Amino acid sequence: MDRNRYSRVVSRLLAIFAVALTLAIPAWSEWTEKVLYSFQGGTNDGSFPVGSVVFGSQGDLYGVLQYYGPPSCAPIGNECGAIFQLTPPAHKDDPWTETLIYHFQGKKGNDGESPNGGLLIDGQGNLYGVTAYGGTGDCVLLGVKAGCGTVYKLSPPKQKGEAWKETILYSFPTAKQGYLPDGNLAFDSAGNLYGATVFGGGKGTTCDAFYQYCGAVFELSPPKQKGGKWTENVLHSFEGGTDGANPNGGLVLDHAGSIFGTTAIGGNKICQDAHGKPIGCGIVFQLRAPAKKDGAWTEKILHRFTDGNDGAGPSSGLIFDAKGALYGTTGGGGSGFNGTVFRLTKTSGYWAETILYSFSYENTDDGSEPGGGLTLDKSGGLYGPAGAGGTYNRGLVYRLKPAGQGKTWLLTVLYDFQPAPDAGGPGARLTPDGAGKLYSTTPGGGTSGNGTVFSIAP
């Protein structure tokens, strides 16, 4: 079983309306790329960075390494994972400095294994994320007690030179509460955390042969008293079939506290897996908060993908623009059968989809497999990574800009990744620094092929 298929800004405590990241970008399109750091693998460094990076208050970058640690980490080994810090140089041409600020202990400490998404940072510099496995849960995979996954917090040291402190906010106890948390977490204004688990939730039996159930969206509420436990509430359990399956994080919230997200499969029986099994093309969903305190959240399916010209396999969550429209990507489908960028606009209570761009397998100069998340600039332009395609089939970074009301959106390739030691295969949302540069990670490429952190600038 290839678990990596489930692995897929400066942030602060978010206001309850999660508007998309915006950035100020000059009009010209000549961009340059710089590899800030190449991971070397092994027990001294780690490899396979996943998810987007976040900025600390001093300009440091923080991110996640999925592979690091001893072979004791279940279920495959060498997957305990680590959290890294990159410190910018004092002089422009000097290298960035990497520090592993925390490495997960796996079974040794029941603190989580295989971190599986980017980080969220609050106003005090605390970092939040999820691990796919580990913790104290009873989930068993391939005959090994792998744990059901965790939600963790890393607190910065009070004095320079001291160690960061890890706290497990929640360890999923059984598959019914959630199994294999994935993607980025989101805050509301009250400090509650929201996320998704690819499996678990207690509903659906046909989503995977190795994992239980079809996935869930959860809420974690902080303790009312210092030292108390965070409590979980499963807001929705997916059933597969006409419902979605395998939600993938990247959730956003609106003014009313509704939650919006995507599932990679489900919704219909049109799309099939590699064995010809109908699994569905994925959905965009909304979860609405109950009118009464103890009432149930309700799901509304805003869009079911149908492959063909429509797209299939949304895998990176959503962003809002200032007018309340939703944007996202699909890893497959579309008129070119190689993925899409889409928009959903609400009109008279109905959400209408527009395909802004379809990537083509016949001409991959514009990229393919645009499975990463999107970033929005102040003029309405969209920025994203394509994991493959380009001159050397190592992926690229693109920009989409509207050509006018009702007209086709125009794609510009900002950077086409070159052969090693350049970065390669970008798949995470781009993080703006406020000065026009964009930052992200690649799981491969670099001097040792173990992944990179890179920046691009106009």
Protein backbone atom coordinates (compact mmCIF):
# COMPACT_ATOMS: atom_id res chain seq x y z
CA MET A 1 0.00 0.00 0.00
CA ASP A 2 1.52 3.32 -1.04
CA ARG A 3 0.71 5.57 1.87
CA ASN A 4 2.39 8.56 0.21
CA ARG A 5 -0.60 9.11 -2.06
CA TYR A 6 -2.37 10.43 1.03
CA SER A 7 0.48 12.76 1.87
CA ARG A 8 -0.04 15.87 0.16
CA VAL A 9 0.87 31.78 5.60
CA VAL A 10 2.77 34.05 7.56
CA SER A 11 -0.20 32.71 9.73
CA ARG A 12 -1.67 34.00 12.95
CA LEU A 13 -4.77 33.13 14.95
CA LEU A 14 -7.27 33.43 12.17
CA ALA A 15 -10.40 35.54 12.22
CA ILE A 16 -13.39 33.34 11.56
CA PHE A 17 -13.58 34.47 7.93
CA ALA A 18 -10.61 32.69 6.37
CA VAL A 19 -9.87 34.89 3.36
CA ALA A 20 -7.22 33.56 0.99
CA LEU A 21 -3.61 34.56 1.31
CA THR A 22 -2.92 37.63 -0.76
CA LEU A 23 0.33 39.15 -1.92
CA ALA A 24 1.56 42.17 -3.78
CA ILE A 25 3.35 41.13 -6.98
CA PRO A 26 4.84 43.43 -9.63
CA ALA A 27 3.35 43.21 -13.10
CA TRP A 28 6.37 41.77 -14.92
CA SER A 29 6.84 38.00 -15.22
CA GLU A 30 10.61 37.43 -15.22
CA TRP A 31 11.11 35.34 -12.10
CA THR A 32 14.21 33.78 -10.60
CA GLU A 33 14.43 30.76 -8.32
CA LYS A 34 16.80 30.00 -5.46
CA VAL A 35 17.18 26.74 -3.56
CA LEU A 36 17.45 27.89 0.04
CA TYR A 37 18.26 24.45 1.42
CA SER A 38 18.75 20.90 0.13
CA PHE A 39 17.98 18.13 2.61
CA GLN A 40 20.59 15.39 2.84
CA GLY A 41 18.56 12.56 4.37
CA GLY A 42 19.76 10.17 7.06
CA THR A 43 19.66 10.69 10.80
CA ASN A 44 21.46 14.02 10.74
CA ASP A 45 19.05 15.85 8.50
CA GLY A 46 15.95 14.07 7.18
CA SER A 47 14.15 14.11 3.85
CA PHE A 48 10.84 14.49 1.99
CA PRO A 49 9.52 17.87 3.16
CA VAL A 50 5.73 17.99 2.96
CA GLY A 51 3.26 20.86 3.05
CA SER A 52 3.78 24.60 2.92
CA VAL A 53 6.17 26.58 5.11
CA VAL A 54 5.28 29.34 7.57
CA PHE A 55 7.20 32.42 8.65
CA GLY A 56 8.11 33.20 12.24
CA SER A 57 8.21 36.75 13.56
CA GLN A 58 11.99 37.00 12.98
CA GLY A 59 11.85 35.86 9.36
CA ASP A 60 12.66 32.22 10.03
CA LEU A 61 10.90 29.54 7.99
CA TYR A 62 9.36 26.45 9.58
CA GLY A 63 8.31 23.24 7.89
CA VAL A 64 7.82 19.50 8.13
CA LEU A 65 10.01 16.54 7.16
CA GLN A 66 8.12 13.30 6.76
CA TYR A 67 11.16 11.03 6.83
CA TYR A 68 13.55 11.10 9.74
CA GLY A 69 14.36 8.69 12.50
CA PRO A 70 14.98 5.04 13.30
CA PRO A 71 13.47 2.03 11.48
CA SER A 72 11.22 1.36 14.49
CA CYS A 73 8.60 3.84 13.32
CA ALA A 74 5.51 2.03 11.99
CA PRO A 75 4.30 0.92 9.62
CA ILE A 76 7.15 1.10 7.11
CA GLY A 77 10.06 2.46 9.15
CA ASN A 78 12.29 5.55 9.07
CA GLU A 79 9.17 7.70 9.17
CA CYS A 80 9.15 9.29 12.59
CA GLY A 81 9.63 12.68 10.97
CA ALA A 82 10.93 16.05 12.14
CA ILE A 83 10.22 19.78 12.21
CA PHE A 84 12.83 22.11 10.74
CA GLN A 85 13.72 25.77 11.06
CA LEU A 86 15.53 27.72 8.35
CA THR A 87 17.23 30.93 9.47
CA PRO A 88 17.98 33.57 6.83
CA PRO A 89 21.59 34.67 6.42
CA ALA A 90 22.97 37.96 7.66
CA HIS A 91 24.26 38.64 4.15
CA LYS A 92 22.20 38.11 1.02
CA ASP A 93 24.53 35.66 -0.72
CA ASP A 94 25.25 33.47 2.30
CA PRO A 95 23.34 30.17 2.79
CA TRP A 96 20.33 29.74 5.02
CA THR A 97 20.94 27.72 8.20
CA GLU A 98 18.87 24.64 9.00
CA THR A 99 18.06 23.39 12.49
CA LEU A 100 15.90 20.40 13.38
CA ILE A 101 13.90 21.84 16.25
CA TYR A 102 12.04 18.61 16.98
CA HIS A 103 12.14 15.01 15.83
CA PHE A 104 9.28 12.66 16.64
CA GLN A 105 9.98 9.70 18.90
CA GLY A 106 7.44 7.24 17.54
CA LYS A 107 6.61 4.35 19.88
CA LYS A 108 9.36 5.45 22.23
CA GLY A 109 7.29 8.44 23.26
CA ASN A 110 3.87 7.83 21.67
CA ASP A 111 4.19 11.34 20.27
CA GLY A 112 3.28 10.74 16.66
CA GLU A 113 4.92 9.38 13.53
CA SER A 114 5.10 10.56 9.92
CA PRO A 115 3.93 14.21 10.05
CA ASN A 116 1.49 14.64 7.21
CA GLY A 117 0.87 18.26 6.30
CA GLY A 118 2.11 21.80 6.70
CA LEU A 119 2.23 23.90 9.85
CA LEU A 120 -0.06 26.50 11.38
CA ILE A 121 1.51 29.24 13.51
CA ASP A 122 -0.20 31.40 16.15
CA GLY A 123 0.62 34.86 17.51
CA GLN A 124 2.95 33.47 20.16
CA GLY A 125 5.01 31.49 17.65
CA ASN A 126 3.53 28.10 18.56
CA LEU A 127 3.41 25.61 15.69
CA TYR A 128 0.55 23.18 15.10
CA GLY A 129 0.32 20.14 12.83
CA VAL A 130 -0.73 16.53 12.43
CA THR A 131 0.98 13.16 12.15
CA ALA A 132 -0.49 10.40 10.03
CA TYR A 133 0.35 7.63 12.49
CA GLY A 134 1.57 7.17 16.03
CA GLY A 135 0.07 8.20 19.30
CA THR A 136 -1.71 5.91 21.72
CA GLY A 137 -4.54 4.82 19.39
CA ASP A 138 -5.32 1.20 18.61
CA CYS A 139 -5.24 1.35 14.77
CA VAL A 140 -3.42 -1.60 13.18
CA LEU A 141 -1.93 -1.48 9.67
CA LEU A 142 -0.24 -4.41 7.89
CA GLY A 143 -0.28 -6.35 11.14
CA VAL A 144 1.54 -3.59 13.04
CA LYS A 145 0.02 -1.36 15.71
CA ALA A 146 0.65 1.90 13.91
CA GLY A 147 -1.54 4.25 15.94
CA CYS A 148 -4.33 6.39 14.48
CA GLY A 149 -2.41 9.68 14.32
CA THR A 150 -2.07 12.81 16.43
CA VAL A 151 -2.48 16.59 16.55
CA TYR A 152 0.59 18.25 18.06
CA LYS A 153 1.82 21.64 19.23
CA LEU A 154 5.42 22.88 19.35
CA SER A 155 6.14 25.77 21.70
CA PRO A 156 9.25 27.93 21.19
CA PRO A 157 11.87 28.11 23.94
CA LYS A 158 11.59 30.90 26.47
CA GLN A 159 15.29 31.55 26.19
CA LYS A 160 17.54 31.28 23.15
CA GLY A 161 19.33 27.95 22.95
CA GLU A 162 16.76 25.98 24.91
CA ALA A 163 14.73 23.19 23.32
CA TRP A 164 11.31 23.52 21.74
CA LYS A 165 8.57 21.78 23.71
CA GLU A 166 6.18 19.34 22.05
CA THR A 167 2.67 18.73 23.38
CA ILE A 168 0.31 16.12 21.96
CA LEU A 169 -3.02 17.95 21.96
CA TYR A 170 -4.93 14.89 20.83
CA SER A 171 -4.16 11.28 20.02
CA PHE A 172 -6.94 9.67 17.99
CA PRO A 173 -7.94 6.66 20.12
CA THR A 174 -9.73 4.51 17.55
CA ALA A 175 -10.59 4.68 13.86
CA LYS A 176 -14.10 5.87 14.73
CA GLN A 177 -12.73 9.20 15.99
CA GLY A 178 -10.53 9.58 12.91
CA TYR A 179 -7.61 7.78 11.28
CA LEU A 180 -4.67 9.28 9.37
CA PRO A 181 -5.05 13.05 9.81
CA ASP A 182 -3.85 14.95 6.76
CA GLY A 183 -3.13 18.47 5.51
CA ASN A 184 -3.11 21.81 7.30
CA LEU A 185 -5.14 22.69 10.38
CA ALA A 186 -7.29 25.83 10.70
CA PHE A 187 -8.14 28.04 13.70
CA ASP A 188 -11.33 29.90 14.48
CA SER A 189 -11.38 33.09 16.57
CA ALA A 190 -12.15 31.13 19.74
CA GLY A 191 -8.99 29.03 19.41
CA ASN A 192 -10.68 25.84 18.22
CA LEU A 193 -8.72 23.77 15.71
CA TYR A 194 -10.28 22.14 12.66
CA GLY A 195 -8.85 19.39 10.49
CA ALA A 196 -9.56 16.26 8.50
CA THR A 197 -8.62 12.60 8.63
CA VAL A 198 -8.34 10.69 5.35
CA PHE A 199 -9.92 7.61 6.92
CA GLY A 200 -11.84 6.83 10.09
CA GLY A 201 -14.99 8.48 11.33
CA GLY A 202 -17.07 5.33 11.71
CA LYS A 203 -18.93 5.39 8.38
CA GLY A 204 -18.35 3.86 4.97
CA THR A 205 -16.84 0.44 4.38
CA THR A 206 -15.71 0.49 0.74
CA CYS A 207 -13.10 3.28 0.61
CA ASP A 208 -9.94 1.23 1.08
CA ALA A 209 -8.86 -2.35 1.69
CA PHE A 210 -6.28 -1.44 4.35
CA TYR A 211 -7.84 1.45 6.28
CA GLN A 212 -11.15 1.66 8.14
CA TYR A 213 -13.99 3.98 7.11
CA CYS A 214 -14.09 6.91 4.67
CA GLY A 215 -12.79 9.90 6.59
CA ALA A 216 -13.93 12.65 8.93
CA VAL A 217 -13.77 16.38 9.68
CA PHE A 218 -13.02 17.11 13.33
CA GLU A 219 -12.94 20.01 15.78
CA LEU A 220 -10.53 20.20 18.72
CA SER A 221 -11.53 22.52 21.55
CA PRO A 222 -8.93 23.82 24.03
CA PRO A 223 -9.32 23.00 27.72
CA LYS A 224 -11.35 25.39 29.85
CA GLN A 225 -8.76 25.18 32.61
CA LYS A 226 -4.96 25.27 32.30
CA GLY A 227 -3.54 21.78 32.16
CA GLY A 228 -6.80 20.20 31.02
CA LYS A 229 -7.29 18.07 27.92
CA TRP A 230 -8.32 19.17 24.46
CA THR A 231 -11.59 17.56 23.41
CA GLU A 232 -12.55 16.28 19.97
CA ASN A 233 -15.88 16.53 18.22
CA VAL A 234 -16.34 14.62 14.96
CA LEU A 235 -18.33 17.13 12.89
CA HIS A 236 -18.96 14.87 9.91
CA SER A 237 -18.15 11.29 8.95
CA PHE A 238 -18.04 10.59 5.21
CA GLU A 239 -19.82 7.56 3.83
CA GLY A 240 -18.34 7.23 0.35
CA GLY A 241 -20.67 6.53 -2.55
CA THR A 242 -22.75 9.61 -3.32
CA ASP A 243 -21.14 11.29 -0.29
CA GLY A 244 -17.45 12.22 -0.46
CA ALA A 245 -14.56 10.13 0.83
CA ASN A 246 -10.99 10.85 1.94
CA PRO A 247 -11.12 14.54 2.97
CA ASN A 248 -7.70 16.12 2.70
CA GLY A 249 -7.40 19.10 5.03
CA GLY A 250 -6.91 22.67 3.86
CA LEU A 251 -10.25 23.63 5.37
CA VAL A 252 -11.50 27.22 5.32
CA LEU A 253 -14.17 28.93 7.45
CA ASP A 254 -16.62 31.71 6.58
CA HIS A 255 -18.26 34.50 8.63
CA ALA A 256 -20.98 32.18 9.89
CA GLY A 257 -18.57 29.50 11.04
CA SER A 258 -19.31 27.12 8.18
CA ILE A 259 -16.45 24.88 7.09
CA PHE A 260 -15.54 24.28 3.44
CA GLY A 261 -13.29 21.57 2.04
CA THR A 262 -12.77 18.87 -0.55
CA THR A 263 -12.59 15.09 -0.69
CA ALA A 264 -10.28 13.28 -3.09
CA ILE A 265 -12.83 10.66 -4.11
CA GLY A 266 -16.51 9.85 -3.68
CA GLY A 267 -19.55 11.72 -4.93
CA ASN A 268 -20.32 9.36 -7.80
CA LYS A 269 -19.11 6.15 -9.48
CA ILE A 270 -17.68 7.74 -12.63
CA CYS A 271 -13.96 7.83 -11.78
CA GLN A 272 -12.19 4.52 -11.29
CA ASP A 273 -9.00 3.43 -9.58
CA ALA A 274 -6.13 1.59 -11.30
CA HIS A 275 -8.01 -1.70 -10.94
CA GLY A 276 -11.20 -0.42 -12.55
CA LYS A 277 -13.06 -0.06 -9.24
CA PRO A 278 -15.47 2.92 -9.24
CA ILE A 279 -14.33 5.31 -6.50
CA GLY A 280 -15.85 8.66 -7.53
CA CYS A 281 -14.23 11.89 -8.66
CA GLY A 282 -14.43 13.87 -5.40
CA ILE A 283 -16.59 16.68 -4.03
CA VAL A 284 -16.55 20.19 -2.58
CA PHE A 285 -18.50 20.29 0.67
CA GLN A 286 -19.81 22.72 3.24
CA LEU A 287 -20.42 21.84 6.90
CA ARG A 288 -22.87 24.14 8.65
CA ALA A 289 -22.80 24.68 12.39
CA PRO A 290 -25.92 23.69 14.36
CA ALA A 291 -28.41 26.32 15.44
CA LYS A 292 -28.36 24.90 18.97
CA LYS A 293 -25.25 24.24 21.06
CA ASP A 294 -25.48 20.46 21.12
CA GLY A 295 -27.03 19.98 17.68
CA ALA A 296 -25.46 18.12 14.78
CA TRP A 297 -23.46 19.75 11.99
CA THR A 298 -25.01 19.31 8.56
CA GLU A 299 -23.23 18.61 5.29
CA LYS A 300 -24.11 20.20 1.96
CA ILE A 301 -22.39 19.02 -1.21
CA LEU A 302 -21.61 22.13 -3.27
CA HIS A 303 -20.15 20.30 -6.26
CA ARG A 304 -19.55 16.75 -7.44
CA PHE A 305 -16.71 16.39 -9.93
CA THR A 306 -17.43 14.31 -13.00
CA ASP A 307 -14.04 13.98 -14.71
CA GLY A 308 -14.32 14.86 -18.42
CA ASN A 309 -14.12 18.65 -18.70
CA ASP A 310 -14.86 19.06 -15.02
CA GLY A 311 -11.82 17.79 -13.13
CA ALA A 312 -11.25 14.90 -10.76
CA GLY A 313 -9.43 14.30 -7.50
CA PRO A 314 -9.34 17.62 -5.61
CA SER A 315 -6.54 17.18 -3.11
CA SER A 316 -5.33 20.51 -1.73
CA GLY A 317 -8.23 22.19 0.01
CA LEU A 318 -9.71 25.57 -0.87
CA ILE A 319 -9.17 29.31 -0.59
CA PHE A 320 -11.65 32.20 -0.51
CA ASP A 321 -11.38 35.49 -2.34
CA ALA A 322 -12.68 38.76 -0.89
CA LYS A 323 -16.07 38.27 -2.58
CA GLY A 324 -16.63 34.80 -1.13
CA ALA A 325 -15.80 32.72 -4.21
CA LEU A 326 -13.93 29.45 -3.63
CA TYR A 327 -10.88 28.33 -5.61
CA GLY A 328 -9.11 24.98 -5.76
CA THR A 329 -7.30 22.48 -7.94
CA THR A 330 -7.84 18.93 -9.11
CA GLY A 331 -4.97 16.56 -9.77
CA GLY A 332 -6.70 14.97 -12.77
CA GLY A 333 -9.53 15.39 -15.22
CA GLY A 334 -10.43 18.47 -17.19
CA SER A 335 -10.54 18.85 -20.94
CA GLY A 336 -6.82 18.05 -21.10
CA PHE A 337 -7.14 15.14 -18.63
CA ASN A 338 -4.19 16.42 -16.57
CA GLY A 339 -5.81 18.48 -13.84
CA THR A 340 -7.62 21.79 -13.45
CA VAL A 341 -7.91 25.04 -11.54
CA PHE A 342 -11.55 25.74 -10.68
CA ARG A 343 -13.73 28.40 -9.07
CA LEU A 344 -17.08 28.03 -7.30
CA THR A 345 -19.28 31.13 -7.13
CA LYS A 346 -22.48 31.35 -5.10
CA THR A 347 -25.47 32.79 -6.96
CA SER A 348 -29.01 32.69 -5.53
CA GLY A 349 -28.06 29.90 -3.14
CA TYR A 350 -26.52 27.78 -5.88
CA TRP A 351 -22.77 27.23 -6.29
CA ALA A 352 -21.70 27.31 -9.95
CA GLU A 353 -18.38 25.89 -11.08
CA THR A 354 -16.09 27.51 -13.63
CA ILE A 355 -12.98 25.76 -14.93
CA LEU A 356 -10.38 28.49 -15.09
CA TYR A 357 -7.71 26.31 -16.67
CA SER A 358 -7.26 22.71 -17.82
CA PHE A 359 -3.77 21.24 -18.00
CA SER A 360 -3.13 18.98 -20.99
CA TYR A 361 -1.25 15.70 -21.22
CA GLU A 362 -0.54 16.46 -24.89
CA ASN A 363 1.41 19.63 -24.09
CA THR A 364 2.97 19.65 -20.64
CA ASP A 365 4.99 22.84 -21.19
CA ASP A 366 2.39 24.51 -18.97
CA GLY A 367 2.72 21.81 -16.31
CA SER A 368 0.64 18.89 -15.19
CA GLU A 369 -0.71 17.44 -11.93
CA PRO A 370 -1.53 20.79 -10.28
CA GLY A 371 -2.37 19.15 -6.97
CA GLY A 372 -0.96 21.84 -4.69
CA GLY A 373 -2.93 24.62 -3.08
CA LEU A 374 -3.42 28.11 -4.51
CA THR A 375 -2.31 31.57 -3.41
CA LEU A 376 -4.26 34.69 -4.42
CA ASP A 377 -2.81 38.15 -5.10
CA LYS A 378 -4.54 41.49 -4.64
CA SER A 379 -5.43 41.80 -8.31
CA GLY A 380 -7.18 38.42 -8.42
CA GLY A 381 -4.28 36.43 -9.88
CA LEU A 382 -3.70 32.85 -8.73
CA TYR A 383 -0.34 31.21 -8.07
CA GLY A 384 0.29 27.51 -7.73
CA PRO A 385 2.69 24.59 -8.22
CA ALA A 386 2.44 21.88 -10.86
CA GLY A 387 4.13 18.70 -9.67
CA ALA A 388 5.14 17.52 -13.14
CA GLY A 389 5.48 18.81 -16.68
CA GLY A 390 7.71 21.57 -17.93
CA THR A 391 10.85 21.23 -20.02
CA TYR A 392 12.39 18.47 -17.90
CA ASN A 393 9.17 17.08 -16.42
CA ARG A 394 10.26 18.30 -12.98
CA GLY A 395 7.30 20.59 -12.44
CA LEU A 396 6.89 24.35 -12.41
CA VAL A 397 5.30 27.35 -10.71
CA TYR A 398 2.53 29.10 -12.63
CA ARG A 399 0.35 32.19 -12.44
CA LEU A 400 -3.23 32.46 -13.71
CA LYS A 401 -4.68 35.90 -14.39
CA PRO A 402 -8.18 36.81 -15.60
CA ALA A 403 -8.16 38.28 -19.11
CA GLY A 404 -11.47 40.08 -18.55
CA GLN A 405 -15.04 39.41 -17.56
CA GLY A 406 -16.16 36.13 -19.10
CA LYS A 407 -12.86 35.60 -20.91
CA THR A 408 -10.35 32.76 -20.65
CA TRP A 409 -7.80 32.98 -17.86
CA LEU A 410 -4.20 33.23 -19.03
CA LEU A 411 -1.45 30.99 -17.65
CA THR A 412 2.16 32.17 -17.33
CA VAL A 413 4.97 29.83 -16.32
CA LEU A 414 6.92 31.75 -13.69
CA TYR A 415 9.59 29.12 -13.17
CA ASP A 416 10.37 25.80 -14.89
CA PHE A 417 12.42 23.54 -12.59
CA GLN A 418 15.75 22.45 -14.03
CA PRO A 419 17.73 19.20 -13.58
CA ALA A 420 19.41 18.49 -10.23
CA PRO A 421 20.70 20.07 -8.11
CA ASP A 422 17.64 22.24 -8.71
CA ALA A 423 14.45 21.55 -6.77
CA GLY A 424 11.83 19.31 -8.37
CA GLY A 425 8.23 18.15 -8.10
CA PRO A 426 6.61 21.03 -6.16
CA GLY A 427 3.34 20.08 -4.51
CA ALA A 428 2.68 22.50 -1.66
CA ARG A 429 1.01 25.91 -1.47
CA LEU A 430 3.30 28.91 -2.03
CA THR A 431 3.84 31.17 0.99
CA PRO A 432 4.31 34.92 0.36
CA ASP A 433 6.74 36.99 2.43
CA GLY A 434 4.99 40.34 1.95
CA ALA A 435 7.78 41.66 -0.27
CA GLY A 436 6.83 39.82 -3.46
CA LYS A 437 8.72 36.56 -2.97
CA LEU A 438 7.08 33.13 -2.76
CA TYR A 439 8.40 30.18 -0.74
CA SER A 440 7.61 26.47 -0.71
CA THR A 441 9.00 22.93 -0.56
CA THR A 442 9.65 20.08 -2.96
CA PRO A 443 9.71 16.44 -1.78
CA GLY A 444 12.50 15.63 -4.26
CA GLY A 445 15.35 17.35 -6.02
CA GLY A 446 18.26 19.22 -4.53
CA THR A 447 21.87 18.12 -4.18
CA SER A 448 20.96 14.70 -2.75
CA GLY A 449 17.49 14.14 -4.18
CA ASN A 450 15.94 14.36 -0.70
CA GLY A 451 13.92 17.52 -1.16
CA THR A 452 14.33 21.27 -0.87
CA VAL A 453 13.01 24.58 0.35
CA PHE A 454 13.02 27.16 -2.45
CA SER A 455 12.00 30.73 -3.18
CA ILE A 456 11.03 32.49 -6.40
CA ALA A 457 11.06 36.23 -6.91
CA PRO A 458 10.16 38.64 -9.72
